[in-house]
Amino acid sequence: MTFQVTVKPSGRQFTCEADETILNAAIRAGIGLPYGCKNGACSTCRGSVLEGDVHHGPHQERALSAADESKGFALFCCAKPYTDLVIESREVLGIGEFSMKKLPSRVAKIERLSDDVIVLSLQLPANERLQFRAGQYIEFLLKDGKRRSYSIANAPHADDHLTLHIRHMPGGLFTDHVFNVMKEREILRFEGPQGTFFLREDSRKPMVLLASGTGFAPIKAIVEQAVHERSERPMLLYWGGRRPGDLYMHALCEEWARTIPNLRYIPVISNAVAEDNWQGRTGFVHQAVMADLPDLSGYQVYACGNPAMVEAAQEAFSKESGLPRDEFYADAFTSETDLHKNMIE
């Protein structure tokens, strides 16, 4: 059975099959509903059901509680229709400009930057090119039908190779392979580009770039794109980690701070020990932003990393620092472990 979905306030419409999520139907129709993880963990796709009924697949309680669902909120990445629907969601303009592709790629280089982070460089076939926006991600298509998502760490103009920052998750099917088995020239298939986390180049507002761990990957692409476009927008880069070694491209960021006039770099460490000899900022990275910028009403924020950081930043920036909710752009990284804990039906 097919249902009609109307998006407010734009009035745009698309069809959705009964066994299809609202988000997948919107993507198929070229309608840019915001999304990140696509698996009910990050809440980027959260909106309201104004008319009609939906049912949800498994998702995390923190992304959508039963109480919020009873008030008409929905996660469009895991909600399917029972009826025709009228939903409320902001739309991302231009998301359909670059078509999604399924492509083979060859592993060109494996560079270990720390004990648990590898930079993986992929080469596409000679006659293929992936067009994407700085900040978007790709999904690897694994042989067992599962998928693994990784942000593209290079800007679109520097696309000789696609580079990804991969953190080792011990016991993880894919990352165990990357760290222990993978060799150069191995063939991987992926689908992309995906996600609505990307640089909004039509704004002149100063940017807070907020990363934890390998959430630095898409932030790196955004910085490189802004520099390539000769943007004069101020950029404040906050990168948080538990220990100094988690900031695996710290030297690059320090170089940016020296050579890019409109960029300031603030590294923040939450669990430094004496032997680290850390002399910089400490604590939670989003709290460092609030200490430096108590009024965020005139800023755009791009936040990427673990879901707890992203959620805390969004809540605090909006309630305490005056950041407009539609100026907070986020991509919350979820691991396979995250996807199976705290799930509700």
C-alpha atoms as a PDB file:
ATOM      1  CA  MET A   1       0.000   0.000   0.000  1.00  0.00           C
ATOM      2  CA  THR A   2       1.215   3.504  -0.848  1.00  0.00           C
ATOM      3  CA  PHE A   3       0.621   6.597   1.276  1.00  0.00           C
ATOM      4  CA  GLN A   4       1.036  10.310   0.562  1.00  0.00           C
ATOM      5  CA  VAL A   5       3.231  12.426   2.814  1.00  0.00           C
ATOM      6  CA  THR A   6       2.943  16.217   2.910  1.00  0.00           C
ATOM      7  CA  VAL A   7       5.771  18.232   4.466  1.00  0.00           C
ATOM      8  CA  LYS A   8       4.993  21.427   6.350  1.00  0.00           C
ATOM      9  CA  PRO A   9       5.691  24.282   6.079  1.00  0.00           C
ATOM     10  CA  SER A  10       6.928  23.814   2.482  1.00  0.00           C
ATOM     11  CA  GLY A  11       3.869  21.889   1.254  1.00  0.00           C
ATOM     12  CA  ARG A  12       6.021  19.477  -0.756  1.00  0.00           C
ATOM     13  CA  GLN A  13       4.641  15.976  -1.183  1.00  0.00           C
ATOM     14  CA  PHE A  14       5.981  12.488  -1.829  1.00  0.00           C
ATOM     15  CA  THR A  15       4.750   8.906  -1.706  1.00  0.00           C
ATOM     16  CA  CYS A  16       5.832   6.329   0.857  1.00  0.00           C
ATOM     17  CA  GLU A  17       5.261   2.582   0.809  1.00  0.00           C
ATOM     18  CA  ALA A  18       3.837   0.922   3.922  1.00  0.00           C
ATOM     19  CA  ASP A  19       7.097  -1.010   4.510  1.00  0.00           C
ATOM     20  CA  GLU A  20       9.356   1.986   3.797  1.00  0.00           C
ATOM     21  CA  THR A  21      10.658   4.558   6.245  1.00  0.00           C
ATOM     22  CA  ILE A  22       9.565   8.136   5.719  1.00  0.00           C
ATOM     23  CA  LEU A  23      13.209   9.224   5.395  1.00  0.00           C
ATOM     24  CA  ASN A  24      14.041   6.668   2.695  1.00  0.00           C
ATOM     25  CA  ALA A  25      10.948   7.681   0.743  1.00  0.00           C
ATOM     26  CA  ALA A  26      11.937  11.354   1.008  1.00  0.00           C
ATOM     27  CA  ILE A  27      15.481  10.624  -0.174  1.00  0.00           C
ATOM     28  CA  ARG A  28      14.075   8.637  -3.096  1.00  0.00           C
ATOM     29  CA  ALA A  29      11.891  11.621  -4.004  1.00  0.00           C
ATOM     30  CA  GLY A  30      14.763  14.106  -3.743  1.00  0.00           C
ATOM     31  CA  ILE A  31      13.275  15.874  -0.735  1.00  0.00           C
ATOM     32  CA  GLY A  32      15.891  16.986   1.776  1.00  0.00           C
ATOM     33  CA  LEU A  33      14.715  15.973   5.220  1.00  0.00           C
ATOM     34  CA  PRO A  34      17.643  16.359   7.631  1.00  0.00           C
ATOM     35  CA  TYR A  35      19.300  13.136   8.751  1.00  0.00           C
ATOM     36  CA  GLY A  36      22.499  11.697  10.156  1.00  0.00           C
ATOM     37  CA  CYS A  37      22.815   8.121  11.401  1.00  0.00           C
ATOM     38  CA  LYS A  38      19.679   6.663   9.727  1.00  0.00           C
ATOM     39  CA  ASN A  39      19.309   4.123  12.540  1.00  0.00           C
ATOM     40  CA  GLY A  40      17.375   5.843  15.315  1.00  0.00           C
ATOM     41  CA  ALA A  41      20.344   6.972  17.390  1.00  0.00           C
ATOM     42  CA  CYS A  42      21.101  10.640  16.717  1.00  0.00           C
ATOM     43  CA  SER A  43      17.688  12.430  16.473  1.00  0.00           C
ATOM     44  CA  THR A  44      18.791  14.635  13.546  1.00  0.00           C
ATOM     45  CA  CYS A  45      15.726  13.510  11.558  1.00  0.00           C
ATOM     46  CA  ARG A  46      13.285  14.165  14.400  1.00  0.00           C
ATOM     47  CA  GLY A  47      10.108  16.022  13.455  1.00  0.00           C
ATOM     48  CA  SER A  48       6.383  16.105  14.152  1.00  0.00           C
ATOM     49  CA  VAL A  49       3.450  14.125  12.786  1.00  0.00           C
ATOM     50  CA  LEU A  50       0.634  16.677  12.443  1.00  0.00           C
ATOM     51  CA  GLU A  51      -1.894  14.351  10.811  1.00  0.00           C
ATOM     52  CA  GLY A  52      -1.989  10.556  10.432  1.00  0.00           C
ATOM     53  CA  ASP A  53      -0.308   7.662  12.221  1.00  0.00           C
ATOM     54  CA  VAL A  54       3.124   6.042  12.083  1.00  0.00           C
ATOM     55  CA  HIS A  55       4.844   3.144  13.795  1.00  0.00           C
ATOM     56  CA  HIS A  56       8.501   3.095  14.794  1.00  0.00           C
ATOM     57  CA  GLY A  57      11.165   0.487  14.387  1.00  0.00           C
ATOM     58  CA  PRO A  58      13.905   0.030  17.030  1.00  0.00           C
ATOM     59  CA  HIS A  59      15.510   3.281  18.179  1.00  0.00           C
ATOM     60  CA  GLN A  60      17.316   4.744  21.145  1.00  0.00           C
ATOM     61  CA  GLU A  61      15.354   6.198  24.047  1.00  0.00           C
ATOM     62  CA  ARG A  62      17.516   9.321  24.100  1.00  0.00           C
ATOM     63  CA  ALA A  63      16.649  10.017  20.450  1.00  0.00           C
ATOM     64  CA  LEU A  64      12.882   9.682  20.994  1.00  0.00           C
ATOM     65  CA  SER A  65      11.256   8.861  24.308  1.00  0.00           C
ATOM     66  CA  ALA A  66       7.849   7.254  24.638  1.00  0.00           C
ATOM     67  CA  ALA A  67       6.587  10.503  26.164  1.00  0.00           C
ATOM     68  CA  ASP A  68       7.732  12.547  23.163  1.00  0.00           C
ATOM     69  CA  GLU A  69       6.282   9.999  20.753  1.00  0.00           C
ATOM     70  CA  SER A  70       2.908  10.360  22.504  1.00  0.00           C
ATOM     71  CA  LYS A  71       3.125  14.127  21.845  1.00  0.00           C
ATOM     72  CA  GLY A  72       3.407  13.516  18.094  1.00  0.00           C
ATOM     73  CA  PHE A  73       7.166  13.567  17.604  1.00  0.00           C
ATOM     74  CA  ALA A  74       8.757  11.016  15.283  1.00  0.00           C
ATOM     75  CA  LEU A  75      12.123   9.817  14.016  1.00  0.00           C
ATOM     76  CA  PHE A  76      11.620   9.740  10.282  1.00  0.00           C
ATOM     77  CA  CYS A  77      14.571   7.371   9.762  1.00  0.00           C
ATOM     78  CA  CYS A  78      12.713   4.540  11.500  1.00  0.00           C
ATOM     79  CA  ALA A  79       9.043   5.606  11.264  1.00  0.00           C
ATOM     80  CA  LYS A  80       6.755   3.940   8.711  1.00  0.00           C
ATOM     81  CA  PRO A  81       3.247   5.104   7.776  1.00  0.00           C
ATOM     82  CA  TYR A  82      -0.070   3.544   8.696  1.00  0.00           C
ATOM     83  CA  THR A  83      -1.975   6.303   6.836  1.00  0.00           C
ATOM     84  CA  ASP A  84      -1.487   9.361   4.672  1.00  0.00           C
ATOM     85  CA  LEU A  85       0.591  11.846   6.664  1.00  0.00           C
ATOM     86  CA  VAL A  86       1.173  15.528   7.226  1.00  0.00           C
ATOM     87  CA  ILE A  87       4.552  16.011   8.892  1.00  0.00           C
ATOM     88  CA  GLU A  88       6.494  19.035  10.052  1.00  0.00           C
ATOM     89  CA  SER A  89      10.213  19.201   9.339  1.00  0.00           C
ATOM     90  CA  ARG A  90      12.733  21.732   8.192  1.00  0.00           C
ATOM     91  CA  GLU A  91      14.147  20.916   4.788  1.00  0.00           C
ATOM     92  CA  VAL A  92      17.727  21.006   3.569  1.00  0.00           C
ATOM     93  CA  LEU A  93      17.915  22.893   0.295  1.00  0.00           C
ATOM     94  CA  GLY A  94      20.021  21.491  -2.523  1.00  0.00           C
ATOM     95  CA  ILE A  95      20.407  18.039  -0.992  1.00  0.00           C
ATOM     96  CA  GLY A  96      19.357  16.376  -4.248  1.00  0.00           C
ATOM     97  CA  GLU A  97      21.963  18.209  -6.327  1.00  0.00           C
ATOM     98  CA  PHE A  98      24.426  15.307  -6.206  1.00  0.00           C
ATOM     99  CA  SER A  99      23.033  11.869  -6.939  1.00  0.00           C
ATOM    100  CA  MET A 100      23.824   8.946  -4.652  1.00  0.00           C
ATOM    101  CA  LYS A 101      25.990   6.263  -6.246  1.00  0.00           C
ATOM    102  CA  LYS A 102      27.109   2.731  -5.468  1.00  0.00           C
ATOM    103  CA  LEU A 103      30.780   2.506  -6.432  1.00  0.00           C
ATOM    104  CA  PRO A 104      33.761   0.186  -6.108  1.00  0.00           C
ATOM    105  CA  SER A 105      36.969   1.609  -4.687  1.00  0.00           C
ATOM    106  CA  ARG A 106      40.512   0.372  -4.196  1.00  0.00           C
ATOM    107  CA  VAL A 107      42.423   0.864  -0.945  1.00  0.00           C
ATOM    108  CA  ALA A 108      45.278   3.145  -1.998  1.00  0.00           C
ATOM    109  CA  LYS A 109      46.927   3.779   1.374  1.00  0.00           C
ATOM    110  CA  ILE A 110      46.587   2.739   5.013  1.00  0.00           C
ATOM    111  CA  GLU A 111      48.237   5.219   7.385  1.00  0.00           C
ATOM    112  CA  ARG A 112      48.200   4.577  11.129  1.00  0.00           C
ATOM    113  CA  LEU A 113      48.145   7.904  12.984  1.00  0.00           C
ATOM    114  CA  SER A 114      47.787   6.484  16.495  1.00  0.00           C
ATOM    115  CA  ASP A 115      47.243   3.171  18.231  1.00  0.00           C
ATOM    116  CA  ASP A 116      43.543   3.260  17.382  1.00  0.00           C
ATOM    117  CA  VAL A 117      43.138   5.627  14.382  1.00  0.00           C
ATOM    118  CA  ILE A 118      43.887   4.876  10.742  1.00  0.00           C
ATOM    119  CA  VAL A 119      43.538   7.174   7.744  1.00  0.00           C
ATOM    120  CA  LEU A 120      42.191   5.088   4.883  1.00  0.00           C
ATOM    121  CA  SER A 121      42.646   6.464   1.353  1.00  0.00           C
ATOM    122  CA  LEU A 122      40.372   5.136  -1.387  1.00  0.00           C
ATOM    123  CA  GLN A 123      40.873   5.400  -5.137  1.00  0.00           C
ATOM    124  CA  LEU A 124      37.837   5.389  -7.419  1.00  0.00           C
ATOM    125  CA  PRO A 125      37.737   3.885 -10.927  1.00  0.00           C
ATOM    126  CA  ALA A 126      39.348   6.150 -13.523  1.00  0.00           C
ATOM    127  CA  ASN A 127      36.031   7.019 -15.164  1.00  0.00           C
ATOM    128  CA  GLU A 128      34.164   7.747 -11.931  1.00  0.00           C
ATOM    129  CA  ARG A 129      33.959  10.766  -9.635  1.00  0.00           C
ATOM    130  CA  LEU A 130      31.993  11.188  -6.429  1.00  0.00           C
ATOM    131  CA  GLN A 131      30.467  14.635  -6.058  1.00  0.00           C
ATOM    132  CA  PHE A 132      29.739  15.527  -2.455  1.00  0.00           C
ATOM    133  CA  ARG A 133      29.571  18.370   0.036  1.00  0.00           C
ATOM    134  CA  ALA A 134      32.183  18.974   2.719  1.00  0.00           C
ATOM    135  CA  GLY A 135      30.979  17.094   5.809  1.00  0.00           C
ATOM    136  CA  GLN A 136      29.022  14.279   4.170  1.00  0.00           C
ATOM    137  CA  TYR A 137      29.703  10.548   4.577  1.00  0.00           C
ATOM    138  CA  ILE A 138      29.731   7.243   2.689  1.00  0.00           C
ATOM    139  CA  GLU A 139      28.447   3.806   3.708  1.00  0.00           C
ATOM    140  CA  PHE A 140      30.525   0.704   3.057  1.00  0.00           C
ATOM    141  CA  LEU A 141      28.449  -2.208   1.745  1.00  0.00           C
ATOM    142  CA  LEU A 142      29.701  -5.317   3.505  1.00  0.00           C
ATOM    143  CA  LYS A 143      29.325  -8.879   2.253  1.00  0.00           C
ATOM    144  CA  ASP A 144      26.882  -9.839   5.019  1.00  0.00           C
ATOM    145  CA  GLY A 145      24.512  -7.050   3.971  1.00  0.00           C
ATOM    146  CA  LYS A 146      25.514  -4.774   6.846  1.00  0.00           C
ATOM    147  CA  ARG A 147      26.708  -1.220   6.369  1.00  0.00           C
ATOM    148  CA  ARG A 148      29.327   0.923   8.074  1.00  0.00           C
ATOM    149  CA  SER A 149      29.329   4.717   7.800  1.00  0.00           C
ATOM    150  CA  TYR A 150      32.391   6.993   7.704  1.00  0.00           C
ATOM    151  CA  SER A 151      32.692  10.717   7.067  1.00  0.00           C
ATOM    152  CA  ILE A 152      34.768  11.935   4.150  1.00  0.00           C
ATOM    153  CA  ALA A 153      37.770  13.789   5.590  1.00  0.00           C
ATOM    154  CA  ASN A 154      38.846  15.639   2.455  1.00  0.00           C
ATOM    155  CA  ALA A 155      37.167  18.595   0.785  1.00  0.00           C
ATOM    156  CA  PRO A 156      35.287  18.021  -2.506  1.00  0.00           C
ATOM    157  CA  HIS A 157      37.870  19.837  -4.634  1.00  0.00           C
ATOM    158  CA  ALA A 158      40.678  17.521  -3.437  1.00  0.00           C
ATOM    159  CA  ASP A 159      39.069  14.308  -4.629  1.00  0.00           C
ATOM    160  CA  ASP A 160      41.983  12.374  -6.153  1.00  0.00           C
ATOM    161  CA  HIS A 161      41.354  10.041  -3.226  1.00  0.00           C
ATOM    162  CA  LEU A 162      38.611   9.809  -0.630  1.00  0.00           C
ATOM    163  CA  THR A 163      40.123   9.814   2.853  1.00  0.00           C
ATOM    164  CA  LEU A 164      38.411   8.428   5.959  1.00  0.00           C
ATOM    165  CA  HIS A 165      39.438   8.480   9.626  1.00  0.00           C
ATOM    166  CA  ILE A 166      38.681   5.077  11.170  1.00  0.00           C
ATOM    167  CA  ARG A 167      38.902   4.399  14.897  1.00  0.00           C
ATOM    168  CA  HIS A 168      39.427   0.809  16.009  1.00  0.00           C
ATOM    169  CA  MET A 169      36.481  -0.633  17.915  1.00  0.00           C
ATOM    170  CA  PRO A 170      37.864  -3.928  19.337  1.00  0.00           C
ATOM    171  CA  GLY A 171      35.515  -6.733  18.397  1.00  0.00           C
ATOM    172  CA  GLY A 172      33.979  -4.652  15.612  1.00  0.00           C
ATOM    173  CA  LEU A 173      33.612  -6.739  12.459  1.00  0.00           C
ATOM    174  CA  PHE A 174      34.757  -4.006  10.071  1.00  0.00           C
ATOM    175  CA  THR A 175      37.356  -2.174  12.141  1.00  0.00           C
ATOM    176  CA  ASP A 176      39.023  -5.417  13.242  1.00  0.00           C
ATOM    177  CA  HIS A 177      39.434  -6.191   9.537  1.00  0.00           C
ATOM    178  CA  VAL A 178      40.787  -2.707   8.757  1.00  0.00           C
ATOM    179  CA  PHE A 179      43.367  -2.785  11.568  1.00  0.00           C
ATOM    180  CA  ASN A 180      44.419  -6.437  11.433  1.00  0.00           C
ATOM    181  CA  VAL A 181      43.806  -7.824   7.950  1.00  0.00           C
ATOM    182  CA  MET A 182      43.274  -5.133   5.316  1.00  0.00           C
ATOM    183  CA  LYS A 183      45.964  -4.630   2.690  1.00  0.00           C
ATOM    184  CA  GLU A 184      46.471  -1.980   0.048  1.00  0.00           C
ATOM    185  CA  ARG A 185      44.683  -2.691  -3.254  1.00  0.00           C
ATOM    186  CA  GLU A 186      41.748  -4.379  -1.504  1.00  0.00           C
ATOM    187  CA  ILE A 187      38.403  -3.591  -3.171  1.00  0.00           C
ATOM    188  CA  LEU A 188      35.595  -2.034  -1.123  1.00  0.00           C
ATOM    189  CA  ARG A 189      32.111  -1.049  -2.272  1.00  0.00           C
ATOM    190  CA  PHE A 190      30.303   1.957  -0.881  1.00  0.00           C
ATOM    191  CA  GLU A 191      27.236   4.140  -1.373  1.00  0.00           C
ATOM    192  CA  GLY A 192      27.276   7.911  -1.116  1.00  0.00           C
ATOM    193  CA  PRO A 193      27.270  10.776  -0.616  1.00  0.00           C
ATOM    194  CA  GLN A 194      24.940  10.735   2.361  1.00  0.00           C
ATOM    195  CA  GLY A 195      23.890  12.995   5.223  1.00  0.00           C
ATOM    196  CA  THR A 196      22.769  16.576   5.670  1.00  0.00           C
ATOM    197  CA  PHE A 197      25.781  17.596   7.766  1.00  0.00           C
ATOM    198  CA  PHE A 198      27.726  19.854   5.423  1.00  0.00           C
ATOM    199  CA  LEU A 199      29.073  23.382   5.141  1.00  0.00           C
ATOM    200  CA  ARG A 200      26.379  26.000   4.495  1.00  0.00           C
ATOM    201  CA  GLU A 201      28.255  28.297   2.151  1.00  0.00           C
ATOM    202  CA  ASP A 202      25.419  30.818   1.819  1.00  0.00           C
ATOM    203  CA  SER A 203      25.910  32.116   5.387  1.00  0.00           C
ATOM    204  CA  ARG A 204      28.332  34.809   6.546  1.00  0.00           C
ATOM    205  CA  LYS A 205      28.038  33.952  10.247  1.00  0.00           C
ATOM    206  CA  PRO A 206      31.146  32.976  12.216  1.00  0.00           C
ATOM    207  CA  MET A 207      31.430  29.219  12.715  1.00  0.00           C
ATOM    208  CA  VAL A 208      32.064  27.129  15.803  1.00  0.00           C
ATOM    209  CA  LEU A 209      33.500  23.799  14.640  1.00  0.00           C
ATOM    210  CA  LEU A 210      33.088  21.294  17.462  1.00  0.00           C
ATOM    211  CA  ALA A 211      34.588  17.801  17.309  1.00  0.00           C
ATOM    212  CA  SER A 212      35.280  14.887  19.595  1.00  0.00           C
ATOM    213  CA  GLY A 213      37.533  11.999  18.550  1.00  0.00           C
ATOM    214  CA  THR A 214      37.237  11.065  14.879  1.00  0.00           C
ATOM    215  CA  GLY A 215      34.389  13.551  14.585  1.00  0.00           C
ATOM    216  CA  PHE A 216      37.299  15.698  13.436  1.00  0.00           C
ATOM    217  CA  ALA A 217      37.135  14.032   9.987  1.00  0.00           C
ATOM    218  CA  PRO A 218      34.193  15.988   8.496  1.00  0.00           C
ATOM    219  CA  ILE A 219      35.290  19.130  10.362  1.00  0.00           C
ATOM    220  CA  LYS A 220      38.625  18.857   8.558  1.00  0.00           C
ATOM    221  CA  ALA A 221      36.771  18.717   5.222  1.00  0.00           C
ATOM    222  CA  ILE A 222      34.727  21.786   6.172  1.00  0.00           C
ATOM    223  CA  VAL A 223      37.845  23.788   7.076  1.00  0.00           C
ATOM    224  CA  GLU A 224      39.578  22.805   3.841  1.00  0.00           C
ATOM    225  CA  GLN A 225      36.511  23.731   1.809  1.00  0.00           C
ATOM    226  CA  ALA A 226      36.185  27.122   3.509  1.00  0.00           C
ATOM    227  CA  VAL A 227      39.853  27.855   2.820  1.00  0.00           C
ATOM    228  CA  HIS A 228      39.485  26.723  -0.803  1.00  0.00           C
ATOM    229  CA  GLU A 229      36.525  29.079  -1.247  1.00  0.00           C
ATOM    230  CA  ARG A 230      38.593  31.910   0.303  1.00  0.00           C
ATOM    231  CA  SER A 231      35.966  32.334   2.971  1.00  0.00           C
ATOM    232  CA  GLU A 232      36.644  35.116   5.461  1.00  0.00           C
ATOM    233  CA  ARG A 233      34.168  33.785   8.018  1.00  0.00           C
ATOM    234  CA  PRO A 234      35.761  33.397  11.453  1.00  0.00           C
ATOM    235  CA  MET A 235      36.250  29.737  12.380  1.00  0.00           C
ATOM    236  CA  LEU A 236      36.705  28.602  15.977  1.00  0.00           C
ATOM    237  CA  LEU A 237      37.796  24.960  16.047  1.00  0.00           C
ATOM    238  CA  TYR A 238      37.262  23.112  19.347  1.00  0.00           C
ATOM    239  CA  TRP A 239      38.542  19.521  19.350  1.00  0.00           C
ATOM    240  CA  GLY A 240      38.042  17.385  22.429  1.00  0.00           C
ATOM    241  CA  GLY A 241      39.569  14.097  23.529  1.00  0.00           C
ATOM    242  CA  ARG A 242      40.066  12.089  26.701  1.00  0.00           C
ATOM    243  CA  ARG A 243      43.877  12.111  26.382  1.00  0.00           C
ATOM    244  CA  PRO A 244      46.172  14.254  24.202  1.00  0.00           C
ATOM    245  CA  GLY A 245      46.834  11.284  21.886  1.00  0.00           C
ATOM    246  CA  ASP A 246      43.177  11.337  20.866  1.00  0.00           C
ATOM    247  CA  LEU A 247      43.908  14.565  18.961  1.00  0.00           C
ATOM    248  CA  TYR A 248      45.645  12.596  16.246  1.00  0.00           C
ATOM    249  CA  MET A 249      46.083  15.572  13.862  1.00  0.00           C
ATOM    250  CA  HIS A 250      46.929  18.142  16.525  1.00  0.00           C
ATOM    251  CA  ALA A 251      49.971  19.369  14.568  1.00  0.00           C
ATOM    252  CA  LEU A 252      47.833  20.049  11.484  1.00  0.00           C
ATOM    253  CA  CYS A 253      45.393  22.102  13.543  1.00  0.00           C
ATOM    254  CA  GLU A 254      48.247  24.106  15.060  1.00  0.00           C
ATOM    255  CA  GLU A 255      49.520  24.761  11.532  1.00  0.00           C
ATOM    256  CA  TRP A 256      46.057  25.961  10.495  1.00  0.00           C
ATOM    257  CA  ALA A 257      45.999  28.334  13.468  1.00  0.00           C
ATOM    258  CA  ARG A 258      49.341  29.791  12.352  1.00  0.00           C
ATOM    259  CA  THR A 259      48.547  30.090   8.635  1.00  0.00           C
ATOM    260  CA  ILE A 260      44.778  30.702   8.349  1.00  0.00           C
ATOM    261  CA  PRO A 261      44.106  34.255   9.582  1.00  0.00           C
ATOM    262  CA  ASN A 262      40.429  33.667  10.430  1.00  0.00           C
ATOM    263  CA  LEU A 263      40.868  30.335  12.269  1.00  0.00           C
ATOM    264  CA  ARG A 264      41.462  29.791  15.975  1.00  0.00           C
ATOM    265  CA  TYR A 265      42.173  26.334  17.423  1.00  0.00           C
ATOM    266  CA  ILE A 266      41.249  25.322  20.978  1.00  0.00           C
ATOM    267  CA  PRO A 267      42.124  21.715  21.960  1.00  0.00           C
ATOM    268  CA  VAL A 268      40.367  20.412  25.094  1.00  0.00           C
ATOM    269  CA  ILE A 269      41.288  17.290  27.107  1.00  0.00           C
ATOM    270  CA  SER A 270      38.911  15.732  29.635  1.00  0.00           C
ATOM    271  CA  ASN A 271      40.995  13.001  31.299  1.00  0.00           C
ATOM    272  CA  ALA A 272      44.651  14.030  31.173  1.00  0.00           C
ATOM    273  CA  VAL A 273      47.061  12.288  33.567  1.00  0.00           C
ATOM    274  CA  ALA A 274      50.343  13.554  34.982  1.00  0.00           C
ATOM    275  CA  GLU A 275      52.557  11.866  32.382  1.00  0.00           C
ATOM    276  CA  ASP A 276      50.642  13.631  29.589  1.00  0.00           C
ATOM    277  CA  ASN A 277      52.116  16.952  30.782  1.00  0.00           C
ATOM    278  CA  TRP A 278      49.046  18.630  29.266  1.00  0.00           C
ATOM    279  CA  GLN A 279      49.159  22.417  29.633  1.00  0.00           C
ATOM    280  CA  GLY A 280      46.030  23.283  27.670  1.00  0.00           C
ATOM    281  CA  ARG A 281      42.306  23.469  28.337  1.00  0.00           C
ATOM    282  CA  THR A 282      40.614  20.700  30.308  1.00  0.00           C
ATOM    283  CA  GLY A 283      37.039  19.527  30.825  1.00  0.00           C
ATOM    284  CA  PHE A 284      34.214  18.866  28.407  1.00  0.00           C
ATOM    285  CA  VAL A 285      34.708  20.400  24.991  1.00  0.00           C
ATOM    286  CA  HIS A 286      31.217  21.912  24.653  1.00  0.00           C
ATOM    287  CA  GLN A 287      31.644  23.624  28.037  1.00  0.00           C
ATOM    288  CA  ALA A 288      34.853  25.234  26.779  1.00  0.00           C
ATOM    289  CA  VAL A 289      32.828  26.742  23.925  1.00  0.00           C
ATOM    290  CA  MET A 290      30.290  28.161  26.387  1.00  0.00           C
ATOM    291  CA  ALA A 291      33.005  29.604  28.614  1.00  0.00           C
ATOM    292  CA  ASP A 292      34.555  31.431  25.662  1.00  0.00           C
ATOM    293  CA  LEU A 293      31.309  32.345  23.888  1.00  0.00           C
ATOM    294  CA  PRO A 294      28.461  32.853  26.373  1.00  0.00           C
ATOM    295  CA  ASP A 295      26.349  34.385  23.591  1.00  0.00           C
ATOM    296  CA  LEU A 296      26.069  32.171  20.490  1.00  0.00           C
ATOM    297  CA  SER A 297      23.051  33.926  18.996  1.00  0.00           C
ATOM    298  CA  GLY A 298      25.054  35.169  16.012  1.00  0.00           C
ATOM    299  CA  TYR A 299      26.917  31.926  15.241  1.00  0.00           C
ATOM    300  CA  GLN A 300      26.580  28.711  13.279  1.00  0.00           C
ATOM    301  CA  VAL A 301      27.700  25.522  15.010  1.00  0.00           C
ATOM    302  CA  TYR A 302      28.915  22.348  13.292  1.00  0.00           C
ATOM    303  CA  ALA A 303      29.237  19.524  15.831  1.00  0.00           C
ATOM    304  CA  CYS A 304      30.466  16.005  15.163  1.00  0.00           C
ATOM    305  CA  GLY A 305      31.486  13.111  17.373  1.00  0.00           C
ATOM    306  CA  ASN A 306      29.993  10.904  20.020  1.00  0.00           C
ATOM    307  CA  PRO A 307      26.227  11.256  20.551  1.00  0.00           C
ATOM    308  CA  ALA A 308      26.534  12.281  24.207  1.00  0.00           C
ATOM    309  CA  MET A 309      28.691  15.287  23.286  1.00  0.00           C
ATOM    310  CA  VAL A 310      26.463  16.299  20.391  1.00  0.00           C
ATOM    311  CA  GLU A 311      23.302  16.026  22.476  1.00  0.00           C
ATOM    312  CA  ALA A 312      24.797  17.948  25.407  1.00  0.00           C
ATOM    313  CA  ALA A 313      26.076  20.698  23.122  1.00  0.00           C
ATOM    314  CA  GLN A 314      22.779  21.127  21.296  1.00  0.00           C
ATOM    315  CA  GLU A 315      20.803  21.344  24.520  1.00  0.00           C
ATOM    316  CA  ALA A 316      23.202  23.687  26.312  1.00  0.00           C
ATOM    317  CA  PHE A 317      23.887  25.987  23.365  1.00  0.00           C
ATOM    318  CA  SER A 318      20.182  26.449  22.700  1.00  0.00           C
ATOM    319  CA  LYS A 319      18.996  26.886  26.293  1.00  0.00           C
ATOM    320  CA  GLU A 320      21.940  28.717  27.832  1.00  0.00           C
ATOM    321  CA  SER A 321      23.815  30.457  25.018  1.00  0.00           C
ATOM    322  CA  GLY A 322      21.025  31.639  22.715  1.00  0.00           C
ATOM    323  CA  LEU A 323      22.003  29.598  19.648  1.00  0.00           C
ATOM    324  CA  PRO A 324      19.069  29.335  17.223  1.00  0.00           C
ATOM    325  CA  ARG A 325      18.168  25.651  16.867  1.00  0.00           C
ATOM    326  CA  ASP A 326      18.275  25.878  13.071  1.00  0.00           C
ATOM    327  CA  GLU A 327      21.915  27.025  13.223  1.00  0.00           C
ATOM    328  CA  PHE A 328      23.106  23.831  14.938  1.00  0.00           C
ATOM    329  CA  TYR A 329      24.262  21.225  12.426  1.00  0.00           C
ATOM    330  CA  ALA A 330      25.365  17.864  13.748  1.00  0.00           C
ATOM    331  CA  ASP A 331      26.511  14.367  12.900  1.00  0.00           C
ATOM    332  CA  ALA A 332      26.535  11.984  15.863  1.00  0.00           C
ATOM    333  CA  PHE A 333      28.824   8.993  15.391  1.00  0.00           C
ATOM    334  CA  THR A 334      27.339   5.698  16.547  1.00  0.00           C
ATOM    335  CA  SER A 335      29.180   2.403  16.871  1.00  0.00           C
ATOM    336  CA  GLU A 336      27.724  -1.063  16.422  1.00  0.00           C
ATOM    337  CA  THR A 337      27.586  -1.297  20.222  1.00  0.00           C
ATOM    338  CA  ASP A 338      25.611   1.937  20.401  1.00  0.00           C
ATOM    339  CA  LEU A 339      23.047   0.585  17.963  1.00  0.00           C
ATOM    340  CA  HIS A 340      22.180  -2.383  20.135  1.00  0.00           C
ATOM    341  CA  LYS A 341      22.010  -0.765  23.546  1.00  0.00           C
ATOM    342  CA  ASN A 342      19.093   1.229  24.908  1.00  0.00           C
ATOM    343  CA  MET A 343      16.973   0.380  21.859  1.00  0.00           C
ATOM    344  CA  ILE A 344      13.192   0.504  22.262  1.00  0.00           C
ATOM    345  CA  GLU A 345      10.503  -0.931  20.040  1.00  0.00           C
END
